[in-house]
Amino acid sequence: MASSSKAWSALSLGATLGAAVLARKAVNTSWRVATGKRPPENPADPDVDLREAIAWAVVSGTIVALARMLATRRAARYYARTTGSLPPQLAADDARD
């Protein structure tokens, strides 16, 4: 059980980190195309327009979170096919009650 937990930890970490990196690159490129400007490096900087900072936070946060969630789901499907069951951390909600 401990080795499968370590395997899941490594698999999910790799999947989520990879997805986050790819999503961040996609968001940066999309931002440049849509606005003609580089994305704000630090949206908390008072010199960054508030609307731009909010838009950047919403767009980048949403896309990165979705990419990580989708990558984790895909990794979980692979793990389940390989081991025959989902990792304990991803047990169905009704099984936790």
Protein backbone atom coordinates (compact mmCIF):
# COMPACT_ATOMS: atom_id res chain seq x y z
CA MET A 1 0.00 0.00 0.00
CA ALA A 2 2.81 2.42 0.85
CA SER A 3 4.54 1.85 -2.49
CA SER A 4 1.32 2.46 -4.42
CA SER A 5 0.77 5.64 -2.41
CA LYS A 6 4.28 6.80 -3.31
CA ALA A 7 3.67 5.88 -6.95
CA TRP A 8 0.45 7.89 -6.95
CA SER A 9 2.17 10.85 -5.30
CA ALA A 10 4.91 10.86 -7.94
CA LEU A 11 2.46 10.38 -10.82
CA SER A 12 0.06 13.09 -9.66
CA LEU A 13 2.87 15.52 -8.87
CA GLY A 14 4.40 15.09 -12.32
CA ALA A 15 1.04 15.43 -14.03
CA THR A 16 -0.02 18.54 -12.15
CA LEU A 17 3.35 20.28 -12.47
CA GLY A 18 3.48 19.56 -16.19
CA ALA A 19 -0.07 20.76 -16.69
CA ALA A 20 0.56 23.93 -14.70
CA VAL A 21 3.66 24.79 -16.75
CA LEU A 22 1.89 24.20 -20.06
CA ALA A 23 -1.21 26.10 -18.95
CA ARG A 24 0.87 29.06 -17.77
CA LYS A 25 2.64 29.23 -21.15
CA ALA A 26 -0.69 29.05 -22.96
CA VAL A 27 -2.21 31.78 -20.78
CA ASN A 28 0.81 34.05 -21.25
CA THR A 29 0.68 33.63 -25.03
CA SER A 30 -3.09 34.13 -25.14
CA TRP A 31 -2.79 37.26 -23.00
CA ARG A 32 -0.20 38.74 -25.39
CA VAL A 33 -2.38 37.95 -28.40
CA ALA A 34 -5.57 39.32 -26.81
CA THR A 35 -4.13 42.48 -25.24
CA GLY A 36 -0.98 43.16 -27.23
CA LYS A 37 0.90 43.44 -23.93
CA ARG A 38 2.92 41.18 -21.71
CA PRO A 39 0.96 39.79 -18.75
CA PRO A 40 1.59 41.57 -15.47
CA GLU A 41 4.56 40.06 -13.64
CA ASN A 42 3.16 41.09 -10.27
CA PRO A 43 -0.56 41.90 -10.29
CA ALA A 44 -0.27 43.12 -6.68
CA ASP A 45 1.94 46.01 -7.84
CA PRO A 46 -0.05 49.25 -7.37
CA ASP A 47 1.25 50.48 -10.75
CA VAL A 48 -0.67 47.71 -12.52
CA ASP A 49 -4.18 48.78 -13.47
CA LEU A 50 -6.66 47.15 -11.06
CA ARG A 51 -8.91 45.83 -13.84
CA GLU A 52 -5.91 44.31 -15.61
CA ALA A 53 -4.68 42.72 -12.36
CA ILE A 54 -8.11 41.24 -11.64
CA ALA A 55 -8.52 39.96 -15.19
CA TRP A 56 -5.07 38.38 -15.10
CA ALA A 57 -5.75 36.72 -11.74
CA VAL A 58 -9.11 35.33 -12.86
CA VAL A 59 -7.94 34.09 -16.25
CA SER A 60 -4.60 32.64 -15.20
CA GLY A 61 -5.91 31.11 -11.99
CA THR A 62 -8.87 29.50 -13.69
CA ILE A 63 -6.90 28.05 -16.60
CA VAL A 64 -4.07 26.73 -14.43
CA ALA A 65 -6.51 25.19 -11.93
CA LEU A 66 -8.52 23.53 -14.71
CA ALA A 67 -5.38 22.15 -16.35
CA ARG A 68 -4.16 20.73 -13.04
CA MET A 69 -7.54 19.15 -12.30
CA LEU A 70 -7.77 17.57 -15.76
CA ALA A 71 -4.20 16.26 -15.51
CA THR A 72 -4.93 14.73 -12.10
CA ARG A 73 -8.06 13.05 -13.44
CA ARG A 74 -6.13 11.62 -16.37
CA ALA A 75 -3.36 10.41 -14.07
CA ALA A 76 -6.00 8.81 -11.81
CA ARG A 77 -7.51 6.95 -14.77
CA TYR A 78 -4.06 5.67 -15.72
CA TYR A 79 -3.34 4.67 -12.11
CA ALA A 80 -6.69 2.85 -11.87
CA ARG A 81 -6.08 0.95 -15.12
CA THR A 82 -2.62 -0.02 -13.89
CA THR A 83 -3.47 -1.01 -10.31
CA GLY A 84 -7.15 -1.90 -10.57
CA SER A 85 -8.33 0.79 -8.15
CA LEU A 86 -8.27 4.52 -7.63
CA PRO A 87 -5.72 5.98 -5.23
CA PRO A 88 -7.14 6.22 -1.67
CA GLN A 89 -6.95 10.03 -1.84
CA LEU A 90 -9.44 10.00 -4.72
CA ALA A 91 -12.06 7.67 -3.28
CA ALA A 92 -15.59 8.51 -4.35
CA ASP A 93 -17.31 11.12 -2.22
CA ASP A 94 -20.01 8.70 -1.09
CA ALA A 95 -17.35 6.23 0.08
CA ARG A 96 -15.99 8.80 2.54
CA ASP A 97 -19.24 9.22 4.50
